[in-house]
Amino acid sequence: MQNNFFDIQLHRIVQSPGTEIPYQSNRLVTPFLPCKNLKSYLTDVIYSEEDLENSLCGDFSQEFEFGGSFEKEETVSFLEILLTPCKVISPGDCQVQHNGSLKNTREDPTVIDEYFRDFKLEVSYIESKQDAQNFEKPLLKHFGSLEF
């Protein structure tokens, strides 16, 4: 249903002071995968099945480091989550049933208002925490989340 309202894209952004135009964005599209397909990569991470259900994860199969500093004139790398309106490519795209009739989500604000009324964007990440009592595995990895 979500794709009848908007498209979501994930970009890895790299901005470097050494480019022809300093700090010009180099945007790399990062595909999404169902998070439940990544279970083999999460063997050391504490999470629940609910964390992965109906979730999308960025495919970071290539190494990518986050961070940097503009003030120190370092390369800066970060993620961008981009929501764009639904695109009509073929008949029936961007349409949903609403109160018994077919509505276009790009043109009818009442449908959009109702859909986004209870909408939240939750970004989860893997966080490391210290477990000083455990000498064999002093770092625990678990899911952390932010809601927007």
Protein backbone atom coordinates (compact mmCIF):
# COMPACT_ATOMS: atom_id res chain seq x y z
CA MET A 1 0.00 0.00 0.00
CA GLN A 2 2.88 2.38 0.83
CA ASN A 3 4.04 2.48 -2.81
CA ASN A 4 0.64 3.94 -3.78
CA PHE A 5 1.54 7.01 -1.70
CA PHE A 6 5.31 7.46 -1.87
CA ASP A 7 8.61 5.98 -2.95
CA ILE A 8 11.46 5.66 -0.47
CA GLN A 9 15.12 5.78 -1.44
CA LEU A 10 18.31 5.46 0.56
CA HIS A 11 21.48 7.25 -0.52
CA ARG A 12 24.99 7.10 0.84
CA ILE A 13 26.38 10.62 0.55
CA VAL A 14 30.10 11.41 0.40
CA GLN A 15 31.30 15.01 0.39
CA SER A 16 35.01 15.66 0.06
CA PRO A 17 37.00 18.90 0.27
CA GLY A 18 39.34 17.59 -2.47
CA THR A 19 36.77 17.46 -5.28
CA GLU A 20 36.64 19.98 -8.14
CA ILE A 21 33.74 21.69 -6.36
CA PRO A 22 34.59 21.26 -2.65
CA TYR A 23 32.02 19.23 -0.72
CA GLN A 24 29.87 18.54 -3.77
CA SER A 25 27.62 15.58 -2.93
CA ASN A 26 28.43 12.22 -4.43
CA ARG A 27 25.10 10.38 -4.05
CA LEU A 28 25.22 6.58 -4.19
CA VAL A 29 21.86 4.78 -4.35
CA THR A 30 21.74 2.01 -1.76
CA PRO A 31 19.15 -0.69 -2.41
CA PHE A 32 16.73 -1.85 0.27
CA LEU A 33 16.34 -5.50 1.27
CA PRO A 34 13.79 -7.07 3.62
CA CYS A 35 15.56 -7.09 7.00
CA LYS A 36 14.51 -10.69 7.65
CA ASN A 37 16.80 -11.69 4.73
CA LEU A 38 19.80 -10.41 6.69
CA LYS A 39 19.48 -12.69 9.71
CA SER A 40 22.80 -14.39 8.92
CA TYR A 41 24.56 -11.02 9.33
CA LEU A 42 22.89 -10.41 12.70
CA THR A 43 24.19 -13.44 14.59
CA ASP A 44 25.92 -11.29 17.26
CA VAL A 45 23.09 -8.76 17.53
CA ILE A 46 20.34 -8.85 20.17
CA TYR A 47 16.99 -8.27 18.43
CA SER A 48 13.46 -9.60 18.34
CA GLU A 49 11.62 -11.00 15.32
CA GLU A 50 9.26 -8.00 15.59
CA ASP A 51 12.22 -5.71 14.89
CA LEU A 52 12.65 -7.29 11.47
CA GLU A 53 9.02 -7.93 10.50
CA ASN A 54 7.91 -5.69 7.59
CA SER A 55 11.16 -3.70 7.85
CA LEU A 56 13.53 -2.67 5.11
CA CYS A 57 17.30 -2.55 5.58
CA GLY A 58 19.92 -0.79 3.53
CA ASP A 59 22.18 -3.17 1.64
CA PHE A 60 25.63 -2.20 2.83
CA SER A 61 27.47 -5.04 1.11
CA GLN A 62 30.22 -2.56 0.22
CA GLU A 63 32.21 -1.03 3.06
CA PHE A 64 31.07 2.46 3.97
CA GLU A 65 32.22 4.61 6.88
CA PHE A 66 30.03 7.34 8.39
CA GLY A 67 31.27 10.58 9.87
CA GLY A 68 33.85 13.22 9.12
CA SER A 69 34.05 16.92 9.84
CA PHE A 70 33.53 20.02 7.73
CA GLU A 71 35.39 22.09 10.37
CA LYS A 72 38.50 19.89 10.10
CA GLU A 73 38.19 19.84 6.29
CA GLU A 74 37.73 16.05 6.25
CA THR A 75 35.64 13.92 3.94
CA VAL A 76 32.09 13.75 5.32
CA SER A 77 29.90 10.66 4.80
CA PHE A 78 26.27 10.19 5.85
CA LEU A 79 22.94 8.63 4.88
CA GLU A 80 19.97 10.32 3.25
CA ILE A 81 16.44 8.90 3.37
CA LEU A 82 14.38 10.41 0.58
CA LEU A 83 10.59 10.15 0.35
CA THR A 84 9.13 11.18 -3.02
CA PRO A 85 5.49 11.20 -4.17
CA CYS A 86 4.14 8.16 -5.98
CA LYS A 87 4.89 8.17 -9.72
CA VAL A 88 2.17 7.27 -12.21
CA ILE A 89 3.76 4.89 -14.70
CA SER A 90 0.80 2.74 -15.66
CA PRO A 91 -2.99 2.89 -15.07
CA GLY A 92 -3.92 2.18 -11.45
CA ASP A 93 -0.68 3.52 -10.00
CA CYS A 94 -1.13 5.90 -7.06
CA GLN A 95 -4.75 4.86 -6.54
CA VAL A 96 -6.39 3.39 -3.44
CA GLN A 97 -9.91 2.47 -2.36
CA HIS A 98 -11.24 5.11 0.02
CA ASN A 99 -14.83 5.19 1.32
CA GLY A 100 -15.97 2.91 -1.50
CA SER A 101 -14.42 4.78 -4.40
CA LEU A 102 -11.06 4.82 -6.16
CA LYS A 103 -8.99 7.88 -5.19
CA ASN A 104 -5.75 9.21 -6.66
CA THR A 105 -3.23 9.75 -3.85
CA ARG A 106 -1.41 12.48 -5.79
CA GLU A 107 -4.54 14.60 -6.17
CA ASP A 108 -6.79 13.95 -3.15
CA PRO A 109 -5.36 15.44 0.06
CA THR A 110 -8.00 13.78 2.30
CA VAL A 111 -6.67 10.32 1.42
CA ILE A 112 -3.11 11.44 2.12
CA ASP A 113 -4.12 13.06 5.43
CA GLU A 114 -5.79 9.88 6.63
CA TYR A 115 -2.89 7.65 5.60
CA PHE A 116 -0.26 9.81 7.29
CA ARG A 117 -2.34 10.51 10.42
CA ASP A 118 -0.81 7.51 12.24
CA PHE A 119 2.35 7.29 10.14
CA LYS A 120 5.76 7.16 11.72
CA LEU A 121 9.19 6.65 10.29
CA GLU A 122 11.33 4.48 12.53
CA VAL A 123 15.05 4.28 11.86
CA SER A 124 16.82 1.39 13.55
CA TYR A 125 20.53 0.94 13.91
CA ILE A 126 22.93 -1.49 15.53
CA GLU A 127 24.48 -0.09 18.66
CA SER A 128 27.29 -1.48 20.81
CA LYS A 129 27.12 -1.33 24.59
CA GLN A 130 29.67 -2.40 27.14
CA ASP A 131 29.07 -5.39 29.36
CA ALA A 132 31.90 -5.09 31.89
CA GLN A 133 30.77 -8.27 33.68
CA ASN A 134 31.36 -10.41 30.58
CA PHE A 135 35.08 -10.92 30.02
CA GLU A 136 34.66 -13.11 26.93
CA LYS A 137 32.31 -10.73 25.08
CA PRO A 138 32.64 -7.27 26.63
CA LEU A 139 30.60 -5.62 23.85
CA LEU A 140 26.93 -6.35 23.26
CA LYS A 141 25.28 -5.35 19.99
CA HIS A 142 21.57 -4.62 19.90
CA PHE A 143 18.97 -2.72 17.88
CA GLY A 144 18.41 0.89 18.78
CA SER A 145 15.61 2.95 17.20
CA LEU A 146 14.59 6.53 16.56
CA GLU A 147 11.03 7.51 15.62
CA PHE A 148 10.15 10.49 13.48
